[in-house]
């Protein structure tokens, strides 16, 4: 009887570890065609205090052209700009653009931004949008990026 209880508790513990591993593990990193490694960040990630995307929604459908809108802390901009790249699901660059601050960017407050991307529809169904903090220095420790998954709609 005691061994059945211990065995049952062990099974529940093992099952809990497996569930935590699959459902609470960090998002998978993706490698882009130029060799950069990026991590997806969602609303539960640590970037929510620095950048918010209003369009497209996470996992939302996009077609060409579409406008990326949101707001980011002023520190994400340099000369009121920051890079935005759309990748297909294979990590290939589809289009690069430059988001422009829509208000005074020399602040630590949130600043609205916008960029319209025009691209050829890919043959794959999904991809991701990468928004990067402008970093004119050579100090890679200052690099930050925000990635959201998207799907392509004809």
N, C-alpha and C. Protein backbone atom coordinates (compact mmCIF):
# COMPACT_ATOMS: atom_id res chain seq x y z
N UNK A 1 0.83 -1.19 0.00
CA UNK A 1 0.00 0.00 0.00
C UNK A 1 0.88 1.25 0.00
N UNK A 2 1.89 1.27 0.86
CA UNK A 2 2.79 2.41 0.95
C UNK A 2 3.55 2.62 -0.36
N UNK A 3 3.96 1.52 -1.00
CA UNK A 3 4.71 1.63 -2.25
C UNK A 3 3.82 2.16 -3.38
N UNK A 4 2.51 1.84 -3.36
CA UNK A 4 1.59 2.36 -4.37
C UNK A 4 1.42 3.87 -4.20
N UNK A 5 1.35 4.34 -2.96
CA UNK A 5 1.21 5.78 -2.70
C UNK A 5 2.47 6.51 -3.14
N UNK A 6 3.63 5.96 -2.80
CA UNK A 6 4.89 6.58 -3.20
C UNK A 6 5.03 6.56 -4.72
N UNK A 7 4.67 5.47 -5.35
CA UNK A 7 4.72 5.38 -6.81
C UNK A 7 3.78 6.38 -7.46
N UNK A 8 2.58 6.54 -6.90
CA UNK A 8 1.62 7.51 -7.42
C UNK A 8 2.12 8.94 -7.29
N UNK A 9 2.71 9.25 -6.13
CA UNK A 9 3.27 10.59 -5.92
C UNK A 9 4.43 10.86 -6.88
N UNK A 10 5.27 9.85 -7.09
CA UNK A 10 6.37 9.99 -8.02
C UNK A 10 5.86 10.25 -9.43
N UNK A 11 4.82 9.54 -9.84
CA UNK A 11 4.22 9.72 -11.16
C UNK A 11 3.66 11.14 -11.32
N UNK A 12 2.95 11.64 -10.30
CA UNK A 12 2.39 12.99 -10.35
C UNK A 12 3.51 14.03 -10.43
N UNK A 13 4.58 13.83 -9.68
CA UNK A 13 5.71 14.74 -9.72
C UNK A 13 6.36 14.73 -11.10
N UNK A 14 6.57 13.57 -11.66
CA UNK A 14 7.16 13.44 -12.99
C UNK A 14 6.27 14.10 -14.04
N UNK A 15 4.98 13.87 -13.96
CA UNK A 15 4.03 14.47 -14.89
C UNK A 15 4.06 16.00 -14.77
N UNK A 16 4.15 16.52 -13.56
CA UNK A 16 4.22 17.97 -13.34
C UNK A 16 5.46 18.57 -13.99
N UNK A 17 6.60 17.90 -13.86
CA UNK A 17 7.84 18.38 -14.46
C UNK A 17 7.73 18.40 -15.97
N UNK A 18 7.16 17.37 -16.56
CA UNK A 18 6.99 17.31 -18.02
C UNK A 18 6.07 18.43 -18.49
N UNK A 19 4.95 18.64 -17.82
CA UNK A 19 4.02 19.71 -18.19
C UNK A 19 4.70 21.07 -18.08
N UNK A 20 5.43 21.31 -17.01
CA UNK A 20 6.13 22.58 -16.84
C UNK A 20 7.17 22.78 -17.93
N UNK A 21 7.86 21.74 -18.32
CA UNK A 21 8.88 21.85 -19.35
C UNK A 21 8.28 22.27 -20.69
N UNK A 22 7.16 21.65 -21.07
CA UNK A 22 6.57 21.93 -22.37
C UNK A 22 5.77 23.23 -22.40
N UNK A 23 5.13 23.60 -21.33
CA UNK A 23 4.26 24.76 -21.35
C UNK A 23 4.89 26.02 -20.77
N UNK A 24 5.93 25.88 -19.99
CA UNK A 24 6.55 27.05 -19.38
C UNK A 24 7.97 27.28 -19.86
N UNK A 25 8.42 26.52 -20.84
CA UNK A 25 9.78 26.71 -21.34
C UNK A 25 9.86 28.00 -22.13
N UNK A 26 11.04 28.62 -22.18
CA UNK A 26 11.18 29.88 -22.93
C UNK A 26 10.94 29.65 -24.41
N UNK A 27 10.53 30.70 -25.13
CA UNK A 27 10.30 30.56 -26.56
C UNK A 27 11.56 30.13 -27.29
N UNK A 28 11.39 29.44 -28.40
CA UNK A 28 12.51 28.98 -29.19
C UNK A 28 13.14 30.15 -29.94
N UNK A 29 14.45 30.14 -30.07
CA UNK A 29 15.14 31.18 -30.82
C UNK A 29 15.10 30.82 -32.30
N UNK A 30 15.13 31.84 -33.15
CA UNK A 30 15.19 31.63 -34.59
C UNK A 30 16.47 32.25 -35.09
N UNK A 31 17.01 31.67 -36.16
CA UNK A 31 18.19 32.24 -36.77
C UNK A 31 17.80 32.82 -38.12
N UNK A 32 18.19 34.05 -38.36
CA UNK A 32 17.88 34.72 -39.61
C UNK A 32 18.90 34.35 -40.67
N UNK A 33 18.62 34.71 -41.93
CA UNK A 33 19.53 34.34 -43.01
C UNK A 33 20.90 35.01 -42.90
N UNK A 34 20.99 36.12 -42.19
CA UNK A 34 22.30 36.75 -42.02
C UNK A 34 23.03 36.26 -40.77
N UNK A 35 22.49 35.19 -40.14
CA UNK A 35 23.16 34.56 -39.03
C UNK A 35 22.80 35.09 -37.66
N UNK A 36 21.98 36.14 -37.59
CA UNK A 36 21.59 36.69 -36.30
C UNK A 36 20.61 35.75 -35.62
N UNK A 37 20.67 35.68 -34.31
CA UNK A 37 19.74 34.87 -33.55
C UNK A 37 18.80 35.79 -32.80
N UNK A 38 17.49 35.56 -32.95
CA UNK A 38 16.50 36.39 -32.29
C UNK A 38 15.57 35.52 -31.47
N UNK A 39 15.08 36.08 -30.41
CA UNK A 39 14.15 35.38 -29.54
C UNK A 39 12.77 36.00 -29.65
N UNK A 40 11.74 35.19 -29.80
CA UNK A 40 10.41 35.76 -29.81
C UNK A 40 10.03 36.25 -28.42
N UNK A 41 9.30 37.32 -28.36
CA UNK A 41 8.85 37.86 -27.08
C UNK A 41 7.37 38.15 -27.23
N UNK A 42 6.58 37.70 -26.30
CA UNK A 42 5.15 37.97 -26.34
C UNK A 42 4.79 38.89 -25.20
N UNK A 43 3.50 39.10 -24.98
CA UNK A 43 3.07 39.98 -23.91
C UNK A 43 3.57 39.54 -22.54
N UNK A 44 3.90 38.25 -22.40
CA UNK A 44 4.39 37.78 -21.11
C UNK A 44 5.90 37.96 -20.98
N UNK A 45 6.56 38.46 -22.06
CA UNK A 45 8.01 38.63 -22.03
C UNK A 45 8.41 39.91 -21.33
N UNK A 46 9.70 40.11 -21.21
CA UNK A 46 10.19 41.26 -20.47
C UNK A 46 10.23 42.54 -21.29
N UNK A 47 9.92 42.50 -22.58
CA UNK A 47 9.95 43.70 -23.41
C UNK A 47 8.68 44.52 -23.28
N UNK A 48 7.67 44.00 -22.62
CA UNK A 48 6.39 44.70 -22.53
C UNK A 48 6.55 46.06 -21.87
N UNK A 49 7.59 46.27 -21.08
CA UNK A 49 7.85 47.57 -20.46
C UNK A 49 8.57 48.52 -21.40
N UNK A 50 8.99 48.03 -22.59
CA UNK A 50 9.77 48.84 -23.50
C UNK A 50 9.12 49.06 -24.85
N UNK A 51 8.32 48.11 -25.31
CA UNK A 51 7.71 48.23 -26.63
C UNK A 51 6.36 47.54 -26.64
N UNK A 52 5.42 48.14 -27.35
CA UNK A 52 4.07 47.57 -27.50
C UNK A 52 3.68 47.68 -28.97
N UNK A 53 3.23 46.59 -29.55
CA UNK A 53 2.81 46.58 -30.94
C UNK A 53 1.28 46.56 -30.97
N UNK A 54 0.68 47.51 -31.68
CA UNK A 54 -0.77 47.53 -31.80
C UNK A 54 -1.24 46.87 -33.10
N UNK A 55 -0.39 46.89 -34.13
CA UNK A 55 -0.70 46.21 -35.39
C UNK A 55 0.60 45.74 -36.01
N UNK A 56 0.71 44.50 -36.42
CA UNK A 56 -0.30 43.45 -36.38
C UNK A 56 -0.36 42.82 -34.99
N UNK A 57 -1.48 42.19 -34.67
CA UNK A 57 -1.54 41.48 -33.39
C UNK A 57 -0.64 40.25 -33.43
N UNK A 58 -0.22 39.77 -32.28
CA UNK A 58 0.62 38.58 -32.21
C UNK A 58 -0.10 37.42 -32.88
N UNK A 59 0.55 36.81 -33.86
CA UNK A 59 -0.03 35.71 -34.60
C UNK A 59 -1.06 36.14 -35.64
N UNK A 60 -1.22 37.44 -35.83
CA UNK A 60 -2.21 37.96 -36.76
C UNK A 60 -1.83 37.72 -38.22
N UNK A 61 -2.81 37.85 -39.08
CA UNK A 61 -2.59 37.69 -40.52
C UNK A 61 -2.20 39.01 -41.14
N UNK A 62 -1.26 38.96 -42.06
CA UNK A 62 -0.82 40.16 -42.77
C UNK A 62 -0.82 39.89 -44.27
N UNK A 63 -1.06 40.94 -45.03
CA UNK A 63 -0.92 40.89 -46.48
C UNK A 63 -0.27 42.21 -46.90
N UNK A 64 0.24 42.23 -48.10
CA UNK A 64 0.98 43.39 -48.57
C UNK A 64 0.06 44.40 -49.23
N UNK A 65 0.22 45.68 -48.93
CA UNK A 65 1.07 46.26 -47.89
C UNK A 65 0.36 46.23 -46.55
N UNK A 66 1.11 46.30 -45.47
CA UNK A 66 0.51 46.45 -44.15
C UNK A 66 1.34 47.42 -43.34
N UNK A 67 0.67 48.05 -42.39
CA UNK A 67 1.33 49.06 -41.56
C UNK A 67 1.55 48.51 -40.17
N UNK A 68 2.79 48.61 -39.72
CA UNK A 68 3.16 48.22 -38.35
C UNK A 68 3.03 49.48 -37.50
N UNK A 69 2.26 49.37 -36.42
CA UNK A 69 2.11 50.49 -35.51
C UNK A 69 2.34 50.02 -34.09
N UNK A 70 2.72 50.94 -33.25
CA UNK A 70 2.92 50.63 -31.85
C UNK A 70 3.56 51.81 -31.16
N UNK A 71 4.16 51.52 -30.04
CA UNK A 71 4.89 52.55 -29.32
C UNK A 71 6.05 51.89 -28.60
N UNK A 72 7.14 52.63 -28.50
CA UNK A 72 8.35 52.12 -27.86
C UNK A 72 8.97 53.25 -27.05
N UNK A 73 9.76 52.86 -26.08
CA UNK A 73 10.49 53.86 -25.30
C UNK A 73 11.40 54.65 -26.24
N UNK A 74 11.63 55.89 -25.94
CA UNK A 74 12.47 56.74 -26.77
C UNK A 74 13.86 56.17 -26.98
N UNK A 75 14.34 55.38 -26.04
CA UNK A 75 15.69 54.79 -26.15
C UNK A 75 15.79 53.77 -27.28
N UNK A 76 14.66 53.35 -27.85
CA UNK A 76 14.68 52.39 -28.96
C UNK A 76 14.98 53.09 -30.29
N UNK A 77 14.92 54.42 -30.32
CA UNK A 77 15.10 55.17 -31.55
C UNK A 77 16.48 55.82 -31.60
N UNK A 78 16.97 56.00 -32.80
CA UNK A 78 18.13 56.86 -33.06
C UNK A 78 17.76 57.72 -34.25
N UNK A 79 17.85 59.02 -34.07
CA UNK A 79 17.42 59.96 -35.10
C UNK A 79 15.97 59.68 -35.51
N UNK A 80 15.15 59.32 -34.52
CA UNK A 80 13.71 59.07 -34.67
C UNK A 80 13.39 57.85 -35.52
N UNK A 81 14.33 56.91 -35.67
CA UNK A 81 14.11 55.73 -36.50
C UNK A 81 14.56 54.46 -35.79
N UNK A 82 13.94 53.33 -36.21
CA UNK A 82 14.40 52.02 -35.77
C UNK A 82 14.06 51.00 -36.86
N UNK A 83 14.91 49.96 -37.00
CA UNK A 83 14.71 48.99 -38.08
C UNK A 83 13.60 47.98 -37.78
N UNK A 84 12.88 47.62 -38.86
CA UNK A 84 11.82 46.62 -38.80
C UNK A 84 12.06 45.68 -39.98
N UNK A 85 12.00 44.37 -39.72
CA UNK A 85 12.24 43.38 -40.78
C UNK A 85 11.16 42.32 -40.73
N UNK A 86 10.63 41.96 -41.89
CA UNK A 86 9.66 40.87 -42.01
C UNK A 86 10.38 39.67 -42.60
N UNK A 87 10.27 38.52 -41.93
CA UNK A 87 10.89 37.28 -42.36
C UNK A 87 9.81 36.27 -42.71
N UNK A 88 10.12 35.37 -43.65
CA UNK A 88 9.22 34.24 -43.86
C UNK A 88 9.56 33.17 -42.82
N UNK A 89 8.81 32.08 -42.80
CA UNK A 89 8.99 31.03 -41.81
C UNK A 89 10.32 30.31 -41.89
N UNK A 90 11.05 30.49 -42.99
CA UNK A 90 12.37 29.88 -43.13
C UNK A 90 13.48 30.80 -42.66
N UNK A 91 13.11 31.99 -42.14
CA UNK A 91 14.10 32.94 -41.65
C UNK A 91 14.71 33.80 -42.73
N UNK A 92 14.10 33.81 -43.93
CA UNK A 92 14.59 34.63 -45.03
C UNK A 92 13.94 36.01 -44.97
N UNK A 93 14.74 37.04 -45.20
CA UNK A 93 14.23 38.41 -45.19
C UNK A 93 13.29 38.62 -46.37
N UNK A 94 12.09 39.12 -46.07
CA UNK A 94 11.13 39.45 -47.12
C UNK A 94 11.19 40.94 -47.43
N UNK A 95 11.29 41.76 -46.39
CA UNK A 95 11.37 43.20 -46.57
C UNK A 95 11.94 43.82 -45.31
N UNK A 96 12.72 44.87 -45.51
CA UNK A 96 13.24 45.67 -44.40
C UNK A 96 12.63 47.05 -44.51
N UNK A 97 12.33 47.63 -43.37
CA UNK A 97 11.79 48.98 -43.35
C UNK A 97 12.33 49.74 -42.16
N UNK A 98 11.97 51.00 -42.10
CA UNK A 98 12.42 51.85 -40.99
C UNK A 98 11.19 52.48 -40.36
N UNK A 99 10.94 52.11 -39.11
CA UNK A 99 9.83 52.72 -38.37
C UNK A 99 10.26 54.11 -37.94
N UNK A 100 9.35 55.05 -38.07
CA UNK A 100 9.63 56.43 -37.69
C UNK A 100 8.80 56.82 -36.48
N UNK A 101 9.45 57.50 -35.55
CA UNK A 101 8.75 58.03 -34.38
C UNK A 101 7.73 59.06 -34.85
N UNK A 102 6.55 59.03 -34.26
CA UNK A 102 5.49 59.95 -34.63
C UNK A 102 5.39 61.13 -33.68
N UNK A 103 6.33 61.21 -32.75
CA UNK A 103 6.34 62.27 -31.75
C UNK A 103 7.79 62.47 -31.30
N UNK A 104 8.01 63.35 -30.36
CA UNK A 104 9.35 63.60 -29.84
C UNK A 104 9.95 62.30 -29.31
N UNK A 105 11.11 61.89 -29.85
CA UNK A 105 11.71 60.61 -29.51
C UNK A 105 12.81 60.71 -28.46
N UNK A 106 13.26 61.89 -28.15
CA UNK A 106 14.34 62.03 -27.16
C UNK A 106 13.75 62.09 -25.76
N UNK A 107 13.22 60.96 -25.34
CA UNK A 107 12.55 60.83 -24.05
C UNK A 107 12.67 59.38 -23.60
N UNK A 108 12.43 59.13 -22.35
CA UNK A 108 12.36 57.75 -21.86
C UNK A 108 10.91 57.25 -21.86
N UNK A 109 9.98 58.12 -22.20
CA UNK A 109 8.57 57.75 -22.27
C UNK A 109 8.30 56.97 -23.55
N UNK A 110 7.08 56.43 -23.65
CA UNK A 110 6.68 55.75 -24.86
C UNK A 110 6.44 56.75 -25.99
N UNK A 111 6.86 56.37 -27.19
CA UNK A 111 6.71 57.20 -28.38
C UNK A 111 6.01 56.36 -29.45
N UNK A 112 4.93 56.86 -30.04
CA UNK A 112 4.28 56.09 -31.11
C UNK A 112 5.17 56.02 -32.35
N UNK A 113 5.07 54.89 -33.09
CA UNK A 113 5.83 54.73 -34.33
C UNK A 113 4.97 54.06 -35.38
N UNK A 114 5.47 54.12 -36.62
CA UNK A 114 4.72 53.55 -37.74
C UNK A 114 5.67 53.27 -38.89
N UNK A 115 5.40 52.19 -39.62
CA UNK A 115 6.10 51.89 -40.87
C UNK A 115 5.16 51.03 -41.72
N UNK A 116 5.13 51.28 -43.01
CA UNK A 116 4.34 50.47 -43.93
C UNK A 116 5.30 49.60 -44.72
N UNK A 117 5.00 48.29 -44.77
CA UNK A 117 5.85 47.33 -45.45
C UNK A 117 5.13 46.79 -46.69
N UNK A 118 5.81 46.78 -47.81
CA UNK A 118 5.32 46.27 -49.07
C UNK A 118 6.18 45.08 -49.46
N UNK A 119 5.58 43.93 -49.75
CA UNK A 119 6.36 42.72 -50.01
C UNK A 119 5.61 41.79 -50.94
N UNK A 120 6.33 40.87 -51.56
CA UNK A 120 5.74 39.81 -52.36
C UNK A 120 5.29 38.70 -51.42
N UNK A 121 4.10 38.17 -51.66
CA UNK A 121 3.59 37.10 -50.79
C UNK A 121 4.48 35.87 -50.89
N UNK A 122 4.83 35.28 -49.75
CA UNK A 122 5.70 34.11 -49.75
C UNK A 122 4.91 32.84 -50.06
N UNK A 123 5.65 31.77 -50.27
CA UNK A 123 5.02 30.47 -50.51
C UNK A 123 4.76 29.73 -49.20
N UNK A 124 5.30 30.24 -48.10
CA UNK A 124 5.07 29.63 -46.79
C UNK A 124 3.93 30.37 -46.09
N UNK A 125 3.30 29.71 -45.15
CA UNK A 125 2.11 30.27 -44.50
C UNK A 125 2.42 31.22 -43.35
N UNK A 126 3.60 31.12 -42.77
CA UNK A 126 3.86 31.95 -41.60
C UNK A 126 5.24 32.59 -41.66
N UNK A 127 5.47 33.48 -40.72
CA UNK A 127 6.74 34.18 -40.64
C UNK A 127 6.80 34.93 -39.33
N UNK A 128 7.67 35.94 -39.27
CA UNK A 128 7.74 36.75 -38.07
C UNK A 128 8.23 38.15 -38.40
N UNK A 129 7.82 39.06 -37.56
CA UNK A 129 8.19 40.46 -37.67
C UNK A 129 9.20 40.76 -36.57
N UNK A 130 10.32 41.35 -36.95
CA UNK A 130 11.37 41.67 -36.00
C UNK A 130 11.53 43.18 -35.93
N UNK A 131 11.36 43.72 -34.74
CA UNK A 131 11.56 45.15 -34.51
C UNK A 131 12.79 45.27 -33.61
N UNK A 132 13.76 46.03 -34.07
CA UNK A 132 15.02 46.13 -33.35
C UNK A 132 15.24 47.53 -32.79
N UNK A 133 15.86 47.57 -31.65
CA UNK A 133 16.25 48.85 -31.08
C UNK A 133 17.39 49.41 -31.93
N UNK A 134 17.31 50.67 -32.31
CA UNK A 134 18.41 51.30 -33.05
C UNK A 134 19.63 51.34 -32.15
N UNK A 135 20.75 50.91 -32.69
CA UNK A 135 21.98 50.87 -31.92
C UNK A 135 23.13 51.28 -32.84
N UNK A 136 23.42 52.57 -32.92
CA UNK A 136 24.50 53.01 -33.81
C UNK A 136 25.90 52.69 -33.28
N UNK A 137 25.99 52.21 -32.05
CA UNK A 137 27.30 51.88 -31.48
C UNK A 137 27.71 50.47 -31.87
N UNK A 138 28.93 50.12 -31.57
CA UNK A 138 29.41 48.76 -31.78
C UNK A 138 29.22 47.89 -30.54
N UNK A 139 28.54 48.42 -29.55
CA UNK A 139 28.33 47.70 -28.28
C UNK A 139 27.11 46.79 -28.42
N UNK A 140 27.34 45.51 -28.70
CA UNK A 140 26.25 44.53 -28.92
C UNK A 140 25.43 44.29 -27.65
N UNK A 141 25.97 44.65 -26.48
CA UNK A 141 25.20 44.46 -25.24
C UNK A 141 23.99 45.41 -25.19
N UNK A 142 23.98 46.42 -26.04
CA UNK A 142 22.86 47.35 -26.10
C UNK A 142 21.77 46.92 -27.08
N UNK A 143 22.03 45.84 -27.83
CA UNK A 143 21.05 45.33 -28.78
C UNK A 143 19.81 44.83 -28.05
N UNK A 144 18.65 45.14 -28.60
CA UNK A 144 17.37 44.60 -28.12
C UNK A 144 16.50 44.40 -29.33
N UNK A 145 15.64 43.40 -29.26
CA UNK A 145 14.71 43.17 -30.36
C UNK A 145 13.41 42.60 -29.82
N UNK A 146 12.38 42.75 -30.61
CA UNK A 146 11.04 42.27 -30.27
C UNK A 146 10.54 41.53 -31.50
N UNK A 147 10.16 40.29 -31.34
CA UNK A 147 9.73 39.47 -32.45
C UNK A 147 8.33 38.96 -32.21
N UNK A 148 7.48 39.06 -33.22
CA UNK A 148 6.14 38.50 -33.10
C UNK A 148 5.85 37.62 -34.32
N UNK A 149 5.19 36.51 -34.09
CA UNK A 149 4.82 35.64 -35.21
C UNK A 149 3.65 36.24 -35.99
N UNK A 150 3.65 36.00 -37.30
CA UNK A 150 2.56 36.43 -38.16
C UNK A 150 2.24 35.31 -39.14
N UNK A 151 1.07 35.37 -39.72
CA UNK A 151 0.73 34.46 -40.81
C UNK A 151 0.39 35.31 -42.03
N UNK A 152 0.58 34.74 -43.20
CA UNK A 152 0.37 35.49 -44.44
C UNK A 152 -0.98 35.16 -45.04
N UNK A 153 -1.67 36.21 -45.44
CA UNK A 153 -3.04 36.10 -45.97
C UNK A 153 -3.03 36.62 -47.39
N UNK A 154 -3.46 35.80 -48.33
CA UNK A 154 -3.55 36.25 -49.73
C UNK A 154 -4.68 37.20 -49.96
